[in-house]
Amino acid sequence: MNPIIDHIQITVKDLQVAEKFYDQFLPILGFDIKNKVRAYIEAHDFHVIEYTHELLAFAITSPRKAFVNDSINRRKPGALHHLAFKAESRAEVDHAYQQLLQFEATIVTPPQRYPEYGEHYYAVFFKDPGNIKYEIVCTKESDS
């Protein structure tokens, strides 16, 4: 088996607010939002919006009513600390950054080298409107 992720499903605080963000963010990664589907999963009491791509499905879901007022904290046990997407070049990281500036992405740090993570580690870190942290990273030596 290869360590390839089939799908990711993230619970967001406000599905309507999150959908506006992910409709703009996911195309940066190559998703076509025309391939977006919605469903209500009655057995689990949540609404889901799934964005599909040939390599990965990415879904956002509503919280359970009992947790709707909870805050997101990536340092809680069991929480997603952050999710990193691989870029093919530093230019892709820079281009993604420019696109992120066009909508409600909260930039944590603009694109830069992180030698503490690896000799050629170059990334931008940002958050969605609900405070979920993401990264777009290139680990190649240079753009060639």
N, C-alpha and C. Protein backbone atom coordinates (compact mmCIF):
# COMPACT_ATOMS: atom_id res chain seq x y z
N MET A 1 0.84 -1.18 0.00
CA MET A 1 0.00 0.00 0.00
C MET A 1 0.89 1.25 0.00
N ASN A 2 0.42 2.30 -0.66
CA ASN A 2 1.10 3.58 -0.67
C ASN A 2 0.38 4.55 0.25
N PRO A 3 1.10 5.47 0.88
CA PRO A 3 0.46 6.41 1.81
C PRO A 3 -0.22 7.56 1.07
N ILE A 4 -1.26 7.23 0.33
CA ILE A 4 -1.98 8.23 -0.45
C ILE A 4 -3.34 8.47 0.21
N ILE A 5 -3.65 9.72 0.44
CA ILE A 5 -4.92 10.08 1.07
C ILE A 5 -6.01 10.10 0.02
N ASP A 6 -7.12 9.43 0.28
CA ASP A 6 -8.26 9.39 -0.63
C ASP A 6 -9.16 10.61 -0.43
N HIS A 7 -9.46 10.92 0.82
CA HIS A 7 -10.33 12.08 1.08
C HIS A 7 -10.05 12.66 2.47
N ILE A 8 -10.39 13.91 2.60
CA ILE A 8 -10.25 14.63 3.86
C ILE A 8 -11.61 15.27 4.14
N GLN A 9 -12.05 15.16 5.38
CA GLN A 9 -13.32 15.75 5.77
C GLN A 9 -13.08 16.56 7.03
N ILE A 10 -13.35 17.85 6.97
CA ILE A 10 -13.08 18.76 8.07
C ILE A 10 -14.38 19.40 8.55
N THR A 11 -14.59 19.38 9.85
CA THR A 11 -15.75 20.05 10.43
C THR A 11 -15.42 21.52 10.60
N VAL A 12 -16.28 22.36 10.08
CA VAL A 12 -16.10 23.81 10.16
C VAL A 12 -17.16 24.41 11.07
N LYS A 13 -16.88 25.58 11.58
CA LYS A 13 -17.81 26.22 12.51
C LYS A 13 -19.08 26.69 11.81
N ASP A 14 -18.93 27.32 10.66
CA ASP A 14 -20.07 27.88 9.92
C ASP A 14 -19.95 27.42 8.47
N LEU A 15 -20.80 26.53 8.06
CA LEU A 15 -20.71 25.92 6.73
C LEU A 15 -20.87 26.94 5.62
N GLN A 16 -21.76 27.91 5.77
CA GLN A 16 -21.97 28.91 4.72
C GLN A 16 -20.75 29.81 4.55
N VAL A 17 -20.17 30.26 5.64
CA VAL A 17 -18.97 31.09 5.58
C VAL A 17 -17.82 30.28 5.00
N ALA A 18 -17.67 29.05 5.47
CA ALA A 18 -16.58 28.19 5.00
C ALA A 18 -16.72 27.90 3.51
N GLU A 19 -17.92 27.67 3.03
CA GLU A 19 -18.11 27.35 1.62
C GLU A 19 -17.59 28.49 0.73
N LYS A 20 -17.85 29.72 1.10
CA LYS A 20 -17.35 30.86 0.32
C LYS A 20 -15.82 30.84 0.26
N PHE A 21 -15.18 30.53 1.38
CA PHE A 21 -13.72 30.46 1.42
C PHE A 21 -13.20 29.30 0.56
N TYR A 22 -13.74 28.11 0.76
CA TYR A 22 -13.23 26.92 0.05
C TYR A 22 -13.54 26.97 -1.44
N ASP A 23 -14.61 27.67 -1.83
CA ASP A 23 -14.89 27.87 -3.25
C ASP A 23 -13.77 28.68 -3.92
N GLN A 24 -13.07 29.49 -3.15
CA GLN A 24 -11.97 30.29 -3.69
C GLN A 24 -10.61 29.62 -3.47
N PHE A 25 -10.46 28.95 -2.34
CA PHE A 25 -9.17 28.31 -2.01
C PHE A 25 -8.91 27.05 -2.82
N LEU A 26 -9.86 26.16 -2.90
CA LEU A 26 -9.61 24.86 -3.52
C LEU A 26 -9.26 24.94 -5.01
N PRO A 27 -9.79 25.90 -5.78
CA PRO A 27 -9.32 26.02 -7.17
C PRO A 27 -7.83 26.34 -7.28
N ILE A 28 -7.24 26.98 -6.28
CA ILE A 28 -5.79 27.22 -6.28
C ILE A 28 -5.05 25.88 -6.32
N LEU A 29 -5.64 24.85 -5.69
CA LEU A 29 -5.03 23.52 -5.64
C LEU A 29 -5.40 22.65 -6.84
N GLY A 30 -6.22 23.18 -7.73
CA GLY A 30 -6.60 22.42 -8.92
C GLY A 30 -7.99 21.83 -8.89
N PHE A 31 -8.77 22.11 -7.85
CA PHE A 31 -10.15 21.62 -7.78
C PHE A 31 -11.03 22.47 -8.70
N ASP A 32 -12.00 21.84 -9.33
CA ASP A 32 -13.01 22.53 -10.12
C ASP A 32 -14.28 22.54 -9.27
N ILE A 33 -14.73 23.72 -8.86
CA ILE A 33 -15.88 23.75 -7.94
C ILE A 33 -17.18 23.30 -8.62
N LYS A 34 -17.15 23.11 -9.93
CA LYS A 34 -18.32 22.51 -10.59
C LYS A 34 -18.50 21.06 -10.15
N ASN A 35 -17.44 20.47 -9.60
CA ASN A 35 -17.49 19.09 -9.12
C ASN A 35 -17.81 19.03 -7.63
N LYS A 36 -18.56 20.00 -7.15
CA LYS A 36 -18.92 20.09 -5.74
C LYS A 36 -20.32 19.49 -5.56
N VAL A 37 -20.47 18.68 -4.51
CA VAL A 37 -21.79 18.11 -4.21
C VAL A 37 -22.14 18.39 -2.75
N ARG A 38 -23.42 18.42 -2.46
CA ARG A 38 -23.93 18.65 -1.10
C ARG A 38 -24.79 17.46 -0.69
N ALA A 39 -24.78 17.22 0.60
CA ALA A 39 -25.64 16.16 1.13
C ALA A 39 -25.93 16.43 2.60
N TYR A 40 -27.00 15.83 3.07
CA TYR A 40 -27.29 15.81 4.50
C TYR A 40 -27.23 14.36 4.91
N ILE A 41 -26.38 14.04 5.87
CA ILE A 41 -26.23 12.66 6.34
C ILE A 41 -27.03 12.55 7.64
N GLU A 42 -28.23 12.09 7.51
CA GLU A 42 -29.15 12.06 8.66
C GLU A 42 -28.63 11.21 9.80
N ALA A 43 -28.04 10.07 9.50
CA ALA A 43 -27.55 9.16 10.54
C ALA A 43 -26.48 9.82 11.42
N HIS A 44 -25.76 10.77 10.86
CA HIS A 44 -24.69 11.45 11.61
C HIS A 44 -25.02 12.91 11.92
N ASP A 45 -26.20 13.36 11.50
CA ASP A 45 -26.70 14.70 11.76
C ASP A 45 -25.71 15.78 11.32
N PHE A 46 -25.28 15.72 10.05
CA PHE A 46 -24.48 16.82 9.55
C PHE A 46 -24.71 17.04 8.06
N HIS A 47 -24.49 18.28 7.67
CA HIS A 47 -24.49 18.67 6.27
C HIS A 47 -23.05 18.59 5.79
N VAL A 48 -22.87 18.19 4.56
CA VAL A 48 -21.52 18.07 4.00
C VAL A 48 -21.50 18.67 2.60
N ILE A 49 -20.40 19.33 2.31
CA ILE A 49 -20.12 19.81 0.95
C ILE A 49 -18.79 19.17 0.56
N GLU A 50 -18.83 18.40 -0.53
CA GLU A 50 -17.62 17.69 -0.95
C GLU A 50 -17.16 18.22 -2.31
N TYR A 51 -15.87 18.54 -2.35
CA TYR A 51 -15.20 18.98 -3.57
C TYR A 51 -14.38 17.79 -4.07
N THR A 52 -14.58 17.41 -5.32
CA THR A 52 -13.87 16.23 -5.81
C THR A 52 -12.83 16.61 -6.86
N HIS A 53 -11.74 15.88 -6.82
CA HIS A 53 -10.62 16.00 -7.75
C HIS A 53 -10.18 14.57 -8.00
N GLU A 54 -9.58 14.30 -9.12
CA GLU A 54 -9.18 12.92 -9.42
C GLU A 54 -8.18 12.36 -8.41
N LEU A 55 -7.46 13.23 -7.69
CA LEU A 55 -6.46 12.77 -6.72
C LEU A 55 -6.93 12.81 -5.28
N LEU A 56 -7.99 13.58 -5.00
CA LEU A 56 -8.40 13.79 -3.61
C LEU A 56 -9.80 14.36 -3.55
N ALA A 57 -10.58 13.88 -2.60
CA ALA A 57 -11.86 14.52 -2.29
C ALA A 57 -11.66 15.30 -0.99
N PHE A 58 -12.19 16.51 -0.94
CA PHE A 58 -12.04 17.38 0.22
C PHE A 58 -13.44 17.82 0.61
N ALA A 59 -13.83 17.54 1.85
CA ALA A 59 -15.18 17.87 2.29
C ALA A 59 -15.16 18.73 3.54
N ILE A 60 -16.16 19.61 3.61
CA ILE A 60 -16.38 20.39 4.83
C ILE A 60 -17.75 19.99 5.36
N THR A 61 -17.86 19.89 6.68
CA THR A 61 -19.11 19.45 7.30
C THR A 61 -19.51 20.39 8.42
N SER A 62 -20.79 20.40 8.70
CA SER A 62 -21.31 21.20 9.80
C SER A 62 -21.03 20.49 11.13
N PRO A 63 -20.89 21.27 12.20
CA PRO A 63 -20.67 20.65 13.51
C PRO A 63 -21.99 20.08 14.06
N ARG A 64 -21.86 19.18 15.02
CA ARG A 64 -23.05 18.73 15.75
C ARG A 64 -23.58 19.91 16.56
N LYS A 65 -24.86 19.94 16.77
CA LYS A 65 -25.48 21.06 17.50
C LYS A 65 -24.83 21.26 18.87
N ALA A 66 -24.46 20.18 19.53
CA ALA A 66 -23.86 20.29 20.87
C ALA A 66 -22.51 20.99 20.85
N PHE A 67 -21.86 21.05 19.67
CA PHE A 67 -20.51 21.63 19.59
C PHE A 67 -20.46 22.93 18.79
N VAL A 68 -21.59 23.42 18.35
CA VAL A 68 -21.62 24.57 17.45
C VAL A 68 -20.95 25.82 18.06
N ASN A 69 -20.96 25.96 19.36
CA ASN A 69 -20.35 27.13 19.99
C ASN A 69 -18.92 26.90 20.45
N ASP A 70 -18.39 25.70 20.23
CA ASP A 70 -17.00 25.43 20.61
C ASP A 70 -16.05 26.20 19.70
N SER A 71 -14.92 26.56 20.25
CA SER A 71 -13.90 27.23 19.43
C SER A 71 -12.97 26.19 18.82
N ILE A 72 -12.34 26.58 17.72
CA ILE A 72 -11.37 25.71 17.07
C ILE A 72 -10.02 25.98 17.70
N ASN A 73 -9.36 24.91 18.11
CA ASN A 73 -8.02 25.05 18.66
C ASN A 73 -7.19 23.88 18.15
N ARG A 74 -6.20 24.18 17.34
CA ARG A 74 -5.40 23.13 16.71
C ARG A 74 -4.49 22.42 17.69
N ARG A 75 -4.40 22.90 18.91
CA ARG A 75 -3.52 22.27 19.91
C ARG A 75 -4.28 21.33 20.86
N LYS A 76 -5.60 21.17 20.65
CA LYS A 76 -6.36 20.22 21.46
C LYS A 76 -6.06 18.80 20.98
N PRO A 77 -6.01 17.84 21.89
CA PRO A 77 -5.82 16.45 21.46
C PRO A 77 -6.88 16.04 20.44
N GLY A 78 -6.45 15.39 19.40
CA GLY A 78 -7.36 14.93 18.36
C GLY A 78 -7.65 15.96 17.29
N ALA A 79 -7.20 17.19 17.47
CA ALA A 79 -7.48 18.25 16.51
C ALA A 79 -6.48 18.22 15.36
N LEU A 80 -6.88 18.76 14.25
CA LEU A 80 -5.98 18.94 13.12
C LEU A 80 -5.08 20.13 13.41
N HIS A 81 -3.78 19.90 13.49
CA HIS A 81 -2.84 21.00 13.75
C HIS A 81 -2.78 21.91 12.52
N HIS A 82 -2.48 21.37 11.38
CA HIS A 82 -2.58 22.07 10.11
C HIS A 82 -2.46 21.05 8.98
N LEU A 83 -2.83 21.48 7.81
CA LEU A 83 -2.80 20.61 6.64
C LEU A 83 -1.95 21.29 5.59
N ALA A 84 -0.95 20.57 5.07
CA ALA A 84 -0.02 21.13 4.09
C ALA A 84 -0.26 20.50 2.72
N PHE A 85 -0.28 21.35 1.71
CA PHE A 85 -0.42 20.91 0.33
C PHE A 85 0.90 21.17 -0.39
N LYS A 86 1.34 20.19 -1.17
CA LYS A 86 2.64 20.25 -1.84
C LYS A 86 2.55 21.01 -3.16
N ALA A 87 3.44 21.98 -3.32
CA ALA A 87 3.58 22.71 -4.57
C ALA A 87 4.78 22.14 -5.32
N GLU A 88 4.76 22.26 -6.63
CA GLU A 88 5.84 21.75 -7.47
C GLU A 88 7.02 22.71 -7.54
N SER A 89 6.79 23.97 -7.19
CA SER A 89 7.86 24.96 -7.29
C SER A 89 7.62 26.09 -6.30
N ARG A 90 8.66 26.86 -6.03
CA ARG A 90 8.51 28.04 -5.20
C ARG A 90 7.61 29.06 -5.90
N ALA A 91 7.68 29.11 -7.22
CA ALA A 91 6.82 30.02 -7.98
C ALA A 91 5.35 29.68 -7.74
N GLU A 92 5.03 28.39 -7.63
CA GLU A 92 3.64 27.99 -7.31
C GLU A 92 3.24 28.48 -5.93
N VAL A 93 4.14 28.39 -4.98
CA VAL A 93 3.85 28.89 -3.63
C VAL A 93 3.58 30.39 -3.69
N ASP A 94 4.44 31.11 -4.39
CA ASP A 94 4.28 32.57 -4.52
C ASP A 94 2.98 32.93 -5.23
N HIS A 95 2.65 32.18 -6.28
CA HIS A 95 1.40 32.44 -7.01
C HIS A 95 0.18 32.16 -6.11
N ALA A 96 0.23 31.07 -5.39
CA ALA A 96 -0.87 30.74 -4.47
C ALA A 96 -1.04 31.86 -3.44
N TYR A 97 0.07 32.35 -2.92
CA TYR A 97 0.04 33.45 -1.95
C TYR A 97 -0.69 34.67 -2.53
N GLN A 98 -0.35 35.02 -3.76
CA GLN A 98 -1.00 36.17 -4.39
C GLN A 98 -2.51 35.94 -4.52
N GLN A 99 -2.91 34.72 -4.82
CA GLN A 99 -4.33 34.40 -4.92
C GLN A 99 -5.00 34.43 -3.55
N LEU A 100 -4.31 33.95 -2.53
CA LEU A 100 -4.85 33.96 -1.17
C LEU A 100 -5.12 35.38 -0.68
N LEU A 101 -4.32 36.31 -1.12
CA LEU A 101 -4.50 37.71 -0.73
C LEU A 101 -5.78 38.31 -1.31
N GLN A 102 -6.35 37.66 -2.32
CA GLN A 102 -7.53 38.20 -2.99
C GLN A 102 -8.84 37.88 -2.28
N PHE A 103 -8.81 37.03 -1.26
CA PHE A 103 -10.04 36.71 -0.54
C PHE A 103 -9.74 36.57 0.94
N GLU A 104 -10.65 36.01 1.71
CA GLU A 104 -10.56 36.06 3.17
C GLU A 104 -9.64 35.03 3.80
N ALA A 105 -8.51 34.78 3.20
CA ALA A 105 -7.50 33.94 3.85
C ALA A 105 -6.72 34.84 4.80
N THR A 106 -6.53 34.37 6.02
CA THR A 106 -5.71 35.10 6.97
C THR A 106 -4.29 34.58 6.83
N ILE A 107 -3.40 35.43 6.34
CA ILE A 107 -2.01 35.02 6.13
C ILE A 107 -1.31 35.00 7.49
N VAL A 108 -0.77 33.84 7.85
CA VAL A 108 -0.01 33.71 9.09
C VAL A 108 1.42 34.17 8.82
N THR A 109 2.03 33.63 7.78
CA THR A 109 3.34 34.10 7.32
C THR A 109 3.38 34.03 5.80
N PRO A 110 3.88 35.07 5.16
CA PRO A 110 4.00 35.03 3.71
C PRO A 110 5.05 34.01 3.28
N PRO A 111 5.16 33.75 1.99
CA PRO A 111 6.13 32.75 1.54
C PRO A 111 7.55 33.09 1.99
N GLN A 112 8.20 32.07 2.53
CA GLN A 112 9.59 32.23 2.95
C GLN A 112 10.22 30.86 3.17
N ARG A 113 11.53 30.87 3.30
CA ARG A 113 12.26 29.64 3.59
C ARG A 113 12.13 29.32 5.08
N TYR A 114 12.10 28.03 5.38
CA TYR A 114 12.07 27.53 6.76
C TYR A 114 13.17 26.48 6.89
N PRO A 115 14.43 26.90 7.05
CA PRO A 115 15.52 25.93 7.11
C PRO A 115 15.40 24.98 8.30
N GLU A 116 14.66 25.36 9.32
CA GLU A 116 14.48 24.47 10.47
C GLU A 116 13.64 23.25 10.11
N TYR A 117 12.88 23.31 8.99
CA TYR A 117 12.07 22.18 8.54
C TYR A 117 12.76 21.38 7.45
N GLY A 118 13.77 21.94 6.84
CA GLY A 118 14.50 21.28 5.77
C GLY A 118 15.27 22.30 4.97
N GLU A 119 16.35 21.87 4.38
CA GLU A 119 17.26 22.79 3.69
C GLU A 119 16.56 23.64 2.62
N HIS A 120 15.58 23.08 1.92
CA HIS A 120 14.93 23.78 0.82
C HIS A 120 13.45 24.07 1.08
N TYR A 121 13.03 24.00 2.33
CA TYR A 121 11.63 24.16 2.70
C TYR A 121 11.19 25.61 2.48
N TYR A 122 10.16 25.80 1.64
CA TYR A 122 9.65 27.13 1.30
C TYR A 122 8.13 27.05 1.36
N ALA A 123 7.50 27.90 2.16
CA ALA A 123 6.07 27.74 2.38
C ALA A 123 5.38 29.06 2.72
N VAL A 124 4.08 29.04 2.52
CA VAL A 124 3.18 30.08 3.01
C VAL A 124 2.20 29.39 3.97
N PHE A 125 1.93 30.03 5.10
CA PHE A 125 0.97 29.52 6.08
C PHE A 125 -0.20 30.49 6.14
N PHE A 126 -1.42 29.95 6.25
CA PHE A 126 -2.62 30.79 6.29
C PHE A 126 -3.74 30.05 7.01
N LYS A 127 -4.80 30.78 7.34
CA LYS A 127 -5.95 30.19 8.02
C LYS A 127 -7.23 30.53 7.27
N ASP A 128 -8.22 29.65 7.43
CA ASP A 128 -9.54 29.91 6.87
C ASP A 128 -10.30 30.80 7.85
N PRO A 129 -11.52 31.24 7.51
CA PRO A 129 -12.26 32.13 8.42
C PRO A 129 -12.59 31.51 9.78
N GLY A 130 -12.56 30.19 9.88
CA GLY A 130 -12.83 29.52 11.15
C GLY A 130 -11.59 29.23 11.96
N ASN A 131 -10.42 29.67 11.49
CA ASN A 131 -9.16 29.52 12.20
C ASN A 131 -8.46 28.18 11.96
N ILE A 132 -8.84 27.46 10.90
CA ILE A 132 -8.16 26.22 10.54
C ILE A 132 -6.92 26.59 9.74
N LYS A 133 -5.77 26.05 10.13
CA LYS A 133 -4.49 26.44 9.53
C LYS A 133 -4.11 25.52 8.37
N TYR A 134 -3.60 26.16 7.31
CA TYR A 134 -3.13 25.45 6.11
C TYR A 134 -1.75 25.94 5.72
N GLU A 135 -1.14 25.18 4.84
CA GLU A 135 0.18 25.50 4.34
C GLU A 135 0.26 25.05 2.88
N ILE A 136 0.97 25.83 2.07
CA ILE A 136 1.35 25.39 0.73
C ILE A 136 2.87 25.42 0.73
N VAL A 137 3.48 24.28 0.40
CA VAL A 137 4.93 24.10 0.60
C VAL A 137 5.59 23.51 -0.63
N CYS A 138 6.81 23.95 -0.87
CA CYS A 138 7.70 23.36 -1.86
C CYS A 138 8.98 22.97 -1.14
N THR A 139 9.45 21.76 -1.38
CA THR A 139 10.69 21.31 -0.74
C THR A 139 11.80 21.06 -1.75
N LYS A 140 11.58 21.51 -2.97
CA LYS A 140 12.61 21.34 -4.00
C LYS A 140 13.69 22.40 -3.85
N GLU A 141 14.86 22.08 -4.32
CA GLU A 141 16.02 22.98 -4.17
C GLU A 141 15.76 24.34 -4.79
N SER A 142 15.22 24.36 -6.01
CA SER A 142 14.93 25.63 -6.67
C SER A 142 13.97 25.38 -7.81
N ASP A 143 13.50 26.47 -8.40
CA ASP A 143 12.65 26.34 -9.58
C ASP A 143 13.56 26.10 -10.77
N SER A 144 13.35 24.96 -11.42
CA SER A 144 14.21 24.69 -12.59
C SER A 144 13.38 24.37 -13.80
